[in-house]
Amino acid sequence: MSKENAGTTALYRAPLGANAARLEAVARLPVGRITGGDVSPDGDWVAMRTNQELLLYRTASLTGGKRAEPRRFELASVAEPQREGVAIGADGLIYLVGEGGGGGGTLATIRCSLR
């Protein structure tokens, strides 16, 4: 995905297992300033985060040519000085990482059932 300050984000994919490949444009999403993203281990979900929220998209909805609607989760209650990354674990946990403002970084976990 692109990381820019525009009101939209471009999403790309690479062939599975490729060390070097031409990226394929998948979608342009009406979401601005993505700070991090990940794909679930089973490939069914794409997670993106902004400074304010976590967005979870079904991969099939992103690649199906229709308007993809994410599940949105507000992150205001997560105490992070600078919100940055996200990772989806096989164990049903979503990991949120942030850069610290001089005191080190932060790690928060959210348990969720992706279905």
C-alpha atoms as a PDB file:
ATOM      1  CA  MET A   1       0.000   0.000   0.000  1.00  0.00           C
ATOM      2  CA  SER A   2       1.075   3.537  -0.481  1.00  0.00           C
ATOM      3  CA  LYS A   3       1.901   5.664   2.562  1.00  0.00           C
ATOM      4  CA  GLU A   4       0.995   9.190   1.643  1.00  0.00           C
ATOM      5  CA  ASN A   5      -0.971  12.145   2.952  1.00  0.00           C
ATOM      6  CA  ALA A   6      -3.580  12.033   0.190  1.00  0.00           C
ATOM      7  CA  GLY A   7      -7.233  11.255   0.836  1.00  0.00           C
ATOM      8  CA  THR A   8      -6.845   7.858  -0.814  1.00  0.00           C
ATOM      9  CA  THR A   9      -4.498   4.894  -0.472  1.00  0.00           C
ATOM     10  CA  ALA A  10      -3.321   2.677  -3.319  1.00  0.00           C
ATOM     11  CA  LEU A  11      -3.109  -1.034  -2.507  1.00  0.00           C
ATOM     12  CA  TYR A  12      -0.725  -3.359  -4.366  1.00  0.00           C
ATOM     13  CA  ARG A  13       0.161  -7.051  -4.270  1.00  0.00           C
ATOM     14  CA  ALA A  14       3.171  -9.100  -5.255  1.00  0.00           C
ATOM     15  CA  PRO A  15       3.149 -12.702  -6.485  1.00  0.00           C
ATOM     16  CA  LEU A  16       3.329 -15.183  -3.590  1.00  0.00           C
ATOM     17  CA  GLY A  17       6.911 -16.155  -2.741  1.00  0.00           C
ATOM     18  CA  ALA A  18       8.472 -13.667  -5.136  1.00  0.00           C
ATOM     19  CA  ASN A  19      11.814 -12.150  -4.155  1.00  0.00           C
ATOM     20  CA  ALA A  20      11.577  -9.506  -6.869  1.00  0.00           C
ATOM     21  CA  ALA A  21       8.454  -8.842  -8.886  1.00  0.00           C
ATOM     22  CA  ARG A  22       6.350  -6.160 -10.500  1.00  0.00           C
ATOM     23  CA  LEU A  23       3.614  -5.066  -8.098  1.00  0.00           C
ATOM     24  CA  GLU A  24       0.031  -5.272  -9.297  1.00  0.00           C
ATOM     25  CA  ALA A  25      -2.395  -2.467  -8.411  1.00  0.00           C
ATOM     26  CA  VAL A  26      -5.367  -3.998  -6.579  1.00  0.00           C
ATOM     27  CA  ALA A  27      -7.489  -1.111  -5.322  1.00  0.00           C
ATOM     28  CA  ARG A  28      -7.622   2.573  -4.482  1.00  0.00           C
ATOM     29  CA  LEU A  29      -9.273   3.024  -1.105  1.00  0.00           C
ATOM     30  CA  PRO A  30     -10.903   6.189   0.300  1.00  0.00           C
ATOM     31  CA  VAL A  31      -8.612   6.141   3.336  1.00  0.00           C
ATOM     32  CA  GLY A  32      -5.912   8.695   3.998  1.00  0.00           C
ATOM     33  CA  ARG A  33      -2.525   8.385   5.735  1.00  0.00           C
ATOM     34  CA  ILE A  34      -2.123   4.669   6.381  1.00  0.00           C
ATOM     35  CA  THR A  35       0.733   4.127   8.849  1.00  0.00           C
ATOM     36  CA  GLY A  36       0.991   0.327   8.640  1.00  0.00           C
ATOM     37  CA  GLY A  37      -0.552  -2.803   7.223  1.00  0.00           C
ATOM     38  CA  ASP A  38      -0.423  -6.599   7.199  1.00  0.00           C
ATOM     39  CA  VAL A  39      -2.096  -9.670   5.697  1.00  0.00           C
ATOM     40  CA  SER A  40      -3.412 -12.473   7.902  1.00  0.00           C
ATOM     41  CA  PRO A  41      -1.418 -15.745   7.820  1.00  0.00           C
ATOM     42  CA  ASP A  42      -4.260 -17.466   5.928  1.00  0.00           C
ATOM     43  CA  GLY A  43      -4.451 -14.592   3.412  1.00  0.00           C
ATOM     44  CA  ASP A  44      -8.145 -13.923   4.112  1.00  0.00           C
ATOM     45  CA  TRP A  45      -7.767 -10.500   5.771  1.00  0.00           C
ATOM     46  CA  VAL A  46      -5.857  -7.273   5.199  1.00  0.00           C
ATOM     47  CA  ALA A  47      -5.294  -4.975   8.169  1.00  0.00           C
ATOM     48  CA  MET A  48      -4.484  -1.289   7.805  1.00  0.00           C
ATOM     49  CA  ARG A  49      -4.151   1.331  10.450  1.00  0.00           C
ATOM     50  CA  THR A  50      -4.199   5.072  10.585  1.00  0.00           C
ATOM     51  CA  ASN A  51      -3.428   7.228  13.584  1.00  0.00           C
ATOM     52  CA  GLN A  52      -7.097   7.018  14.570  1.00  0.00           C
ATOM     53  CA  GLU A  53      -8.410   3.592  13.567  1.00  0.00           C
ATOM     54  CA  LEU A  54      -7.799  -0.012  12.585  1.00  0.00           C
ATOM     55  CA  LEU A  55      -9.378  -1.157   9.318  1.00  0.00           C
ATOM     56  CA  LEU A  56      -9.917  -4.838   8.511  1.00  0.00           C
ATOM     57  CA  TYR A  57     -10.795  -5.795   4.947  1.00  0.00           C
ATOM     58  CA  ARG A  58     -11.647  -9.214   3.556  1.00  0.00           C
ATOM     59  CA  THR A  59      -9.027  -9.869   0.887  1.00  0.00           C
ATOM     60  CA  ALA A  60     -11.704 -11.117  -1.516  1.00  0.00           C
ATOM     61  CA  SER A  61     -13.555  -7.798  -1.251  1.00  0.00           C
ATOM     62  CA  LEU A  62     -10.401  -5.881  -2.187  1.00  0.00           C
ATOM     63  CA  THR A  63      -9.668  -8.011  -5.227  1.00  0.00           C
ATOM     64  CA  GLY A  64     -13.258  -8.547  -6.405  1.00  0.00           C
ATOM     65  CA  GLY A  65     -13.620  -5.234  -8.228  1.00  0.00           C
ATOM     66  CA  LYS A  66     -16.450  -3.977  -6.012  1.00  0.00           C
ATOM     67  CA  ARG A  67     -16.298  -1.235  -3.380  1.00  0.00           C
ATOM     68  CA  ALA A  68     -14.680  -2.786  -0.319  1.00  0.00           C
ATOM     69  CA  GLU A  69     -16.120  -1.897   3.080  1.00  0.00           C
ATOM     70  CA  PRO A  70     -13.844  -2.474   6.059  1.00  0.00           C
ATOM     71  CA  ARG A  71     -14.618  -3.336   9.629  1.00  0.00           C
ATOM     72  CA  ARG A  72     -13.506  -0.208  11.514  1.00  0.00           C
ATOM     73  CA  PHE A  73     -12.181  -0.054  15.061  1.00  0.00           C
ATOM     74  CA  GLU A  74     -11.430   3.215  16.835  1.00  0.00           C
ATOM     75  CA  LEU A  75      -7.974   3.297  18.462  1.00  0.00           C
ATOM     76  CA  ALA A  76      -8.390   6.346  20.703  1.00  0.00           C
ATOM     77  CA  SER A  77      -8.270   4.219  23.864  1.00  0.00           C
ATOM     78  CA  VAL A  78      -4.911   2.658  22.950  1.00  0.00           C
ATOM     79  CA  ALA A  79      -2.201   4.696  24.673  1.00  0.00           C
ATOM     80  CA  GLU A  80       0.443   5.205  21.996  1.00  0.00           C
ATOM     81  CA  PRO A  81       2.486   8.367  21.544  1.00  0.00           C
ATOM     82  CA  GLN A  82       2.967   7.728  17.816  1.00  0.00           C
ATOM     83  CA  ARG A  83       0.795   5.077  16.165  1.00  0.00           C
ATOM     84  CA  GLU A  84       2.607   3.141  13.478  1.00  0.00           C
ATOM     85  CA  GLY A  85       2.383  -0.595  12.749  1.00  0.00           C
ATOM     86  CA  VAL A  86      -0.033  -3.494  12.773  1.00  0.00           C
ATOM     87  CA  ALA A  87       0.415  -7.258  12.450  1.00  0.00           C
ATOM     88  CA  ILE A  88      -2.110 -10.086  12.395  1.00  0.00           C
ATOM     89  CA  GLY A  89      -1.103 -13.249  14.249  1.00  0.00           C
ATOM     90  CA  ALA A  90      -2.316 -16.772  13.521  1.00  0.00           C
ATOM     91  CA  ASP A  91      -3.480 -16.964  17.131  1.00  0.00           C
ATOM     92  CA  GLY A  92      -6.318 -14.444  16.706  1.00  0.00           C
ATOM     93  CA  LEU A  93      -4.303 -11.534  18.058  1.00  0.00           C
ATOM     94  CA  ILE A  94      -3.768  -8.228  16.329  1.00  0.00           C
ATOM     95  CA  TYR A  95      -0.583  -6.468  17.378  1.00  0.00           C
ATOM     96  CA  LEU A  96      -0.366  -2.677  17.363  1.00  0.00           C
ATOM     97  CA  VAL A  97       3.034  -1.032  17.645  1.00  0.00           C
ATOM     98  CA  GLY A  98       3.954   2.572  18.150  1.00  0.00           C
ATOM     99  CA  GLU A  99       7.102   4.613  18.242  1.00  0.00           C
ATOM    100  CA  GLY A 100       7.870   6.118  21.598  1.00  0.00           C
ATOM    101  CA  GLY A 101       8.545   9.732  22.202  1.00  0.00           C
ATOM    102  CA  GLY A 102      11.829   9.199  24.047  1.00  0.00           C
ATOM    103  CA  GLY A 103      10.650   6.485  26.404  1.00  0.00           C
ATOM    104  CA  GLY A 104      10.723   3.639  23.883  1.00  0.00           C
ATOM    105  CA  GLY A 105       8.037   2.066  21.763  1.00  0.00           C
ATOM    106  CA  THR A 106       4.672   0.578  22.624  1.00  0.00           C
ATOM    107  CA  LEU A 107       3.026  -2.785  21.944  1.00  0.00           C
ATOM    108  CA  ALA A 108      -0.703  -3.391  22.367  1.00  0.00           C
ATOM    109  CA  THR A 109      -2.667  -6.527  21.528  1.00  0.00           C
ATOM    110  CA  ILE A 110      -6.300  -6.960  20.577  1.00  0.00           C
ATOM    111  CA  ARG A 111      -7.916 -10.398  20.519  1.00  0.00           C
ATOM    112  CA  CYS A 112     -10.457 -10.793  17.776  1.00  0.00           C
ATOM    113  CA  SER A 113     -12.154 -13.521  15.829  1.00  0.00           C
ATOM    114  CA  LEU A 114     -11.810 -12.911  12.106  1.00  0.00           C
ATOM    115  CA  ARG A 115     -14.660 -14.625  10.282  1.00  0.00           C
END
